[in-house]
Amino acid sequence: MQTIWKKPVTIALEGPDQWVVIQTTQAATWALVEDWPTEEGPALDRACAVCADVMSGKRNREEARQAFIEAAIEAGIPIKE
């Protein structure tokens, strides 16, 4: 299930001033699992769970977007609005 977000999230995931645009729950999940700078944390765990729920149709895409932002804040990843 493709879950494109209404508003993408732009984060400096790969380093300072190296911005990546995340615009789907699938891309967020990939980033959380493969590219995240931390391996644990409550917001990270919640974001992974919420993204899985969205992809299985149990939650809405905005919940995944918000959980992803909270995980980025927890990890200290810069976010561009």
Protein backbone atom coordinates (compact mmCIF):
# COMPACT_ATOMS: atom_id res chain seq x y z
CA MET A 1 0.00 0.00 0.00
CA GLN A 2 1.58 3.29 -1.14
CA THR A 3 1.04 5.93 1.52
CA ILE A 4 2.24 9.26 0.17
CA TRP A 5 2.26 12.01 2.78
CA LYS A 6 0.42 15.29 2.18
CA LYS A 7 3.57 17.18 3.19
CA PRO A 8 7.07 15.66 2.82
CA VAL A 9 9.66 15.80 5.60
CA THR A 10 13.13 17.05 4.69
CA ILE A 11 15.88 15.90 7.05
CA ALA A 12 19.69 15.98 7.13
CA LEU A 13 19.96 12.22 7.48
CA GLU A 14 23.32 11.63 5.87
CA GLY A 15 25.13 14.57 7.48
CA PRO A 16 24.99 18.34 7.82
CA ASP A 17 23.50 20.04 4.78
CA GLN A 18 22.89 16.69 3.06
CA TRP A 19 19.11 16.88 2.87
CA VAL A 20 16.87 13.95 2.10
CA VAL A 21 13.17 14.30 1.30
CA ILE A 22 10.94 11.65 2.83
CA GLN A 23 7.46 11.65 1.35
CA THR A 24 6.07 8.16 1.93
CA THR A 25 5.63 5.82 4.86
CA GLN A 26 7.70 3.25 2.99
CA ALA A 27 10.63 5.68 2.62
CA ALA A 28 10.34 6.60 6.30
CA THR A 29 10.43 2.95 7.30
CA TRP A 30 13.49 2.34 5.16
CA ALA A 31 15.26 5.35 6.69
CA LEU A 32 14.37 4.28 10.23
CA VAL A 33 15.65 0.75 9.69
CA GLU A 34 18.65 1.26 7.41
CA ASP A 35 19.95 4.82 7.79
CA TRP A 36 19.03 5.98 11.29
CA PRO A 37 21.96 7.23 13.42
CA THR A 38 20.60 5.60 16.60
CA GLU A 39 19.53 2.02 17.15
CA GLU A 40 17.07 2.50 19.98
CA GLY A 41 14.82 5.01 21.64
CA PRO A 42 11.15 5.31 22.51
CA ALA A 43 10.31 7.61 19.59
CA LEU A 44 12.22 5.40 17.15
CA ASP A 45 10.39 2.30 18.37
CA ARG A 46 7.04 4.09 18.15
CA ALA A 47 7.78 5.39 14.63
CA CYS A 48 8.63 1.89 13.40
CA ALA A 49 5.43 0.50 14.92
CA VAL A 50 3.24 3.31 13.56
CA CYS A 51 4.73 2.98 10.06
CA ALA A 52 4.01 -0.75 10.10
CA ASP A 53 0.43 -0.04 11.19
CA VAL A 54 -0.03 2.50 8.41
CA MET A 55 1.24 0.09 5.78
CA SER A 56 -1.19 -2.56 7.01
CA GLY A 57 -4.08 -0.06 6.98
CA LYS A 58 -4.54 0.23 10.76
CA ARG A 59 -3.55 3.91 11.06
CA ASN A 60 -3.49 6.98 8.83
CA ARG A 61 -0.45 8.34 7.03
CA GLU A 62 -0.33 11.56 9.08
CA GLU A 63 0.34 9.48 12.19
CA ALA A 64 3.38 7.95 10.48
CA ARG A 65 4.63 11.36 9.40
CA GLN A 66 4.30 12.77 12.93
CA ALA A 67 5.94 9.72 14.52
CA PHE A 68 8.80 10.00 12.00
CA ILE A 69 9.34 13.67 12.92
CA GLU A 70 9.36 12.80 16.63
CA ALA A 71 11.97 10.09 15.99
CA ALA A 72 14.12 12.56 14.05
CA ILE A 73 13.93 15.03 16.93
CA GLU A 74 14.85 12.30 19.41
CA ALA A 75 17.89 11.34 17.27
CA GLY A 76 18.99 14.97 16.89
CA ILE A 77 18.50 14.94 13.12
CA PRO A 78 17.97 18.43 11.65
CA ILE A 79 14.59 18.96 10.02
CA LYS A 80 13.91 21.59 7.35
CA GLU A 81 10.38 22.98 7.22
